[in-house]
């Protein structure tokens, strides 16, 4: 993905600790309460999972390196060694979530009738919201990092690009201007994304029913599409 961040290799381009030294984790070691030392890769994954949960709960501004380190049972320097600070950790979390959602949507477009493709895209986004709720909360929440390195809007643009080619072929077969396909793909994907945001809070009706209604509106809107739409009100510009 062209907009993907370049932080996933760690501060020094490796998955390990730059100094080779890490405080042991505070995981229980059985009756004796012994500590289990994590590898660099394990510690990095632990920090990513904890950071993801805290960012989803508190937002970027409300999250501190101190809290992440405390939950992980390590000192603050360990977080800095792996990610360079809160911004670096957040960037990797966002990058992973963006790639996961993009992969789910593009992977779901397996072909078939155009309406079926629309259903596949709608279901993929709803599935992501359902199974990766924390990640979705992070993507849709504004933050200084998200605005400069990637955002939900930019991700929607990436997904819309995947839909654009499919829609362009449909437009050509029906005699519509295929140059308008990019705009219509943004409209369709944006509609599904905003509906998903709403559904995240209410969780009603069931996911399949939401997908059916989304496709109902989008498909029948496309079915009745005018080749040269005109405004009916007084305003013309």
Protein backbone atom coordinates (compact mmCIF):
# COMPACT_ATOMS: atom_id res chain seq x y z
CA UNK A 1 0.00 0.00 0.00
CA UNK A 2 1.48 3.31 -1.07
CA UNK A 3 0.50 5.11 2.09
CA UNK A 4 1.87 2.51 4.46
CA UNK A 5 4.15 3.80 7.18
CA UNK A 6 7.75 2.73 7.51
CA UNK A 7 7.94 2.15 11.26
CA UNK A 8 7.35 -1.57 11.45
CA UNK A 9 11.01 -2.44 11.56
CA UNK A 10 11.57 -0.76 14.93
CA UNK A 11 13.77 2.23 15.73
CA UNK A 12 16.95 0.57 14.54
CA UNK A 13 15.37 -1.44 11.73
CA UNK A 14 15.32 -4.64 13.81
CA UNK A 15 12.83 -6.45 15.96
CA UNK A 16 15.22 -6.73 18.84
CA UNK A 17 16.36 -4.45 21.64
CA UNK A 18 19.08 -2.06 20.50
CA UNK A 19 21.06 -2.69 23.70
CA UNK A 20 20.32 -6.37 24.09
CA UNK A 21 19.06 -5.70 27.62
CA UNK A 22 15.47 -5.84 28.80
CA UNK A 23 13.93 -5.92 32.23
CA UNK A 24 12.16 -9.25 32.75
CA UNK A 25 8.40 -9.31 32.32
CA UNK A 26 6.12 -9.54 35.33
CA UNK A 27 4.26 -12.55 34.14
CA UNK A 28 3.44 -15.17 36.67
CA UNK A 29 5.75 -18.13 36.69
CA UNK A 30 3.55 -20.49 38.70
CA UNK A 31 3.45 -21.00 42.46
CA UNK A 32 6.80 -19.37 42.96
CA UNK A 33 5.70 -16.28 41.02
CA UNK A 34 8.90 -16.44 38.96
CA UNK A 35 9.49 -14.07 36.08
CA UNK A 36 9.70 -15.13 32.44
CA UNK A 37 12.09 -13.22 30.20
CA UNK A 38 10.63 -12.33 26.81
CA UNK A 39 12.52 -12.27 23.55
CA UNK A 40 12.77 -8.96 21.71
CA UNK A 41 10.07 -10.04 19.28
CA UNK A 42 7.73 -11.14 22.05
CA UNK A 43 8.24 -7.88 23.96
CA UNK A 44 7.58 -5.84 20.84
CA UNK A 45 4.33 -7.71 20.15
CA UNK A 46 3.28 -7.31 23.77
CA UNK A 47 3.83 -3.55 23.64
CA UNK A 48 1.90 -3.32 20.38
CA UNK A 49 -1.09 -5.17 21.83
CA UNK A 50 -1.10 -3.10 25.00
CA UNK A 51 -0.61 0.14 23.08
CA UNK A 52 -3.45 -0.77 20.72
CA UNK A 53 -5.81 -1.34 23.65
CA UNK A 54 -4.84 1.90 25.42
CA UNK A 55 -5.04 4.01 22.24
CA UNK A 56 -8.51 2.62 21.55
CA UNK A 57 -9.61 3.34 25.11
CA UNK A 58 -8.05 6.76 25.69
CA UNK A 59 -7.13 8.13 22.27
CA UNK A 60 -3.69 9.31 21.23
CA UNK A 61 -3.57 12.41 23.43
CA UNK A 62 -4.88 10.55 26.48
CA UNK A 63 -2.28 7.78 26.20
CA UNK A 64 1.13 7.99 27.86
CA UNK A 65 4.30 5.96 27.56
CA UNK A 66 4.20 5.59 31.34
CA UNK A 67 0.86 3.77 31.26
CA UNK A 68 1.90 1.48 28.42
CA UNK A 69 5.14 0.60 30.21
CA UNK A 70 3.32 0.02 33.50
CA UNK A 71 0.77 -2.33 31.91
CA UNK A 72 3.60 -4.22 30.21
CA UNK A 73 5.59 -4.45 33.43
CA UNK A 74 8.64 -2.74 31.96
CA UNK A 75 10.42 0.56 32.32
CA UNK A 76 9.79 3.50 29.98
CA UNK A 77 13.18 3.15 28.21
CA UNK A 78 12.09 -0.26 26.89
CA UNK A 79 9.20 1.37 24.99
CA UNK A 80 11.56 4.01 23.60
CA UNK A 81 14.09 1.34 22.56
CA UNK A 82 11.48 -0.48 20.48
CA UNK A 83 9.49 2.41 19.01
CA UNK A 84 11.24 5.70 19.81
CA UNK A 85 8.26 6.85 21.87
CA UNK A 86 4.50 7.11 21.75
CA UNK A 87 4.34 8.43 18.20
CA UNK A 88 6.38 5.56 16.80
CA UNK A 89 4.27 2.98 18.60
CA UNK A 90 1.06 4.61 17.42
CA UNK A 91 2.34 4.71 13.84
CA UNK A 92 2.96 0.96 13.79
CA UNK A 93 -0.45 0.24 15.34
CA UNK A 94 -2.20 2.40 12.73
CA UNK A 95 -0.17 0.90 9.89
CA UNK A 96 -1.08 -2.63 10.91
CA UNK A 97 -4.78 -1.85 11.22
CA UNK A 98 -4.88 -0.07 7.88
CA UNK A 99 -3.21 -3.00 6.16
CA UNK A 100 -5.51 -5.51 7.87
CA UNK A 101 -8.65 -3.68 6.76
CA UNK A 102 -7.38 -3.16 3.22
CA UNK A 103 -6.44 -6.84 2.96
CA UNK A 104 -9.85 -7.93 4.24
CA UNK A 105 -11.72 -5.78 1.74
CA UNK A 106 -9.59 -6.56 -1.30
CA UNK A 107 -9.45 -10.23 -0.36
CA UNK A 108 -13.23 -10.37 -0.13
CA UNK A 109 -13.69 -9.17 -3.72
CA UNK A 110 -13.61 -12.65 -5.22
CA UNK A 111 -15.79 -11.93 -8.23
CA UNK A 112 -19.28 -12.72 -9.39
CA UNK A 113 -22.15 -10.42 -10.27
CA UNK A 114 -21.59 -6.72 -9.59
CA UNK A 115 -24.18 -6.75 -6.82
CA UNK A 116 -22.41 -9.68 -5.19
CA UNK A 117 -19.13 -7.76 -5.31
CA UNK A 118 -20.84 -4.88 -3.53
CA UNK A 119 -22.09 -7.30 -0.86
CA UNK A 120 -18.60 -8.72 -0.43
CA UNK A 121 -17.11 -5.26 0.14
CA UNK A 122 -19.83 -4.29 2.62
CA UNK A 123 -19.47 -7.53 4.56
CA UNK A 124 -15.67 -7.19 4.69
CA UNK A 125 -15.87 -3.79 6.36
CA UNK A 126 -18.58 -4.93 8.77
CA UNK A 127 -16.51 -8.02 9.60
CA UNK A 128 -13.50 -5.85 10.37
CA UNK A 129 -15.51 -3.61 12.68
CA UNK A 130 -16.94 -6.68 14.40
CA UNK A 131 -13.66 -8.53 14.91
CA UNK A 132 -11.21 -5.63 15.30
CA UNK A 133 -13.26 -3.07 17.20
CA UNK A 134 -10.27 -1.49 18.96
CA UNK A 135 -8.46 -1.10 15.66
CA UNK A 136 -11.47 0.55 14.02
CA UNK A 137 -11.82 2.98 16.93
CA UNK A 138 -8.19 3.99 16.47
CA UNK A 139 -8.53 4.48 12.71
CA UNK A 140 -11.61 6.70 12.92
CA UNK A 141 -10.32 8.84 15.78
CA UNK A 142 -8.42 11.98 14.76
CA UNK A 143 -4.93 12.59 16.13
CA UNK A 144 -1.86 14.63 15.14
CA UNK A 145 -0.11 11.44 14.02
CA UNK A 146 -3.05 10.17 12.00
CA UNK A 147 -3.36 13.50 10.22
CA UNK A 148 0.27 13.51 9.12
CA UNK A 149 1.00 9.86 8.41
CA UNK A 150 -2.29 8.25 7.49
CA UNK A 151 -5.96 8.43 8.32
CA UNK A 152 -9.20 6.59 7.92
CA UNK A 153 -9.99 8.92 5.02
CA UNK A 154 -6.78 7.94 3.23
CA UNK A 155 -7.53 4.27 3.88
CA UNK A 156 -11.02 4.66 2.43
CA UNK A 157 -9.33 6.19 -0.61
CA UNK A 158 -7.15 3.09 -0.98
CA UNK A 159 -10.16 0.78 -0.76
CA UNK A 160 -12.12 2.95 -3.20
CA UNK A 161 -9.27 2.55 -5.70
CA UNK A 162 -9.80 -1.21 -5.58
CA UNK A 163 -13.53 -0.74 -6.25
CA UNK A 164 -12.87 1.82 -8.98
CA UNK A 165 -11.75 -0.69 -11.61
CA UNK A 166 -14.80 -2.89 -11.04
CA UNK A 167 -17.14 0.09 -11.22
CA UNK A 168 -15.39 1.41 -14.33
CA UNK A 169 -16.10 -1.81 -16.21
CA UNK A 170 -19.73 -1.68 -15.10
CA UNK A 171 -20.03 1.91 -16.30
CA UNK A 172 -18.61 1.05 -19.72
CA UNK A 173 -20.98 -1.87 -20.19
CA UNK A 174 -23.95 0.39 -19.44
CA UNK A 175 -22.86 3.31 -21.59
CA UNK A 176 -21.86 5.63 -18.73
CA UNK A 177 -18.78 7.82 -18.61
CA UNK A 178 -16.11 5.56 -17.06
CA UNK A 179 -14.10 8.64 -16.07
CA UNK A 180 -16.64 9.18 -13.29
CA UNK A 181 -15.97 5.76 -11.74
CA UNK A 182 -13.38 7.09 -9.23
CA UNK A 183 -15.91 9.59 -7.84
CA UNK A 184 -18.67 7.01 -7.57
CA UNK A 185 -16.35 4.50 -5.89
CA UNK A 186 -15.54 7.12 -3.23
CA UNK A 187 -19.26 7.68 -2.70
CA UNK A 188 -20.05 3.99 -2.32
CA UNK A 189 -17.15 3.11 -0.04
CA UNK A 190 -17.69 6.24 2.05
CA UNK A 191 -21.34 5.33 2.56
CA UNK A 192 -20.41 1.89 3.83
CA UNK A 193 -17.64 3.25 6.09
CA UNK A 194 -19.84 5.86 7.75
CA UNK A 195 -22.61 3.32 8.27
CA UNK A 196 -20.04 1.05 9.90
CA UNK A 197 -19.06 3.83 12.30
CA UNK A 198 -22.68 4.21 13.33
CA UNK A 199 -23.18 0.45 13.68
CA UNK A 200 -20.15 0.20 15.95
CA UNK A 201 -22.06 2.13 18.62
CA UNK A 202 -25.55 0.66 18.28
CA UNK A 203 -24.84 -2.91 17.09
CA UNK A 204 -28.37 -3.09 15.71
CA UNK A 205 -29.69 -4.54 13.48
CA UNK A 206 -27.60 -7.67 12.85
CA UNK A 207 -24.54 -7.38 10.63
CA UNK A 208 -26.07 -9.29 7.71
CA UNK A 209 -29.16 -7.09 7.79
CA UNK A 210 -27.08 -3.92 7.77
CA UNK A 211 -25.11 -5.22 4.79
CA UNK A 212 -28.34 -6.08 2.97
CA UNK A 213 -29.73 -2.57 3.47
CA UNK A 214 -26.45 -0.97 2.40
CA UNK A 215 -26.45 -2.95 -0.81
CA UNK A 216 -30.15 -2.25 -1.32
CA UNK A 217 -29.55 1.51 -1.29
CA UNK A 218 -26.36 1.40 -3.33
CA UNK A 219 -27.49 -1.16 -5.91
CA UNK A 220 -30.90 0.27 -6.64
CA UNK A 221 -29.37 3.70 -6.77
CA UNK A 222 -26.95 2.45 -9.43
CA UNK A 223 -29.73 0.62 -11.26
CA UNK A 224 -31.65 3.86 -11.74
CA UNK A 225 -28.59 5.98 -12.50
CA UNK A 226 -29.07 8.74 -15.07
CA UNK A 227 -26.38 9.12 -17.70
CA UNK A 228 -26.45 12.92 -17.46
CA UNK A 229 -27.95 13.92 -14.08
CA UNK A 230 -29.14 17.49 -13.63
CA UNK A 231 -30.09 19.49 -10.56
CA UNK A 232 -33.80 20.18 -10.10
CA UNK A 233 -33.49 23.05 -7.60
CA UNK A 234 -32.74 26.69 -8.26
CA UNK A 235 -29.07 26.51 -7.28
CA UNK A 236 -26.83 25.55 -10.22
CA UNK A 237 -23.31 26.18 -8.88
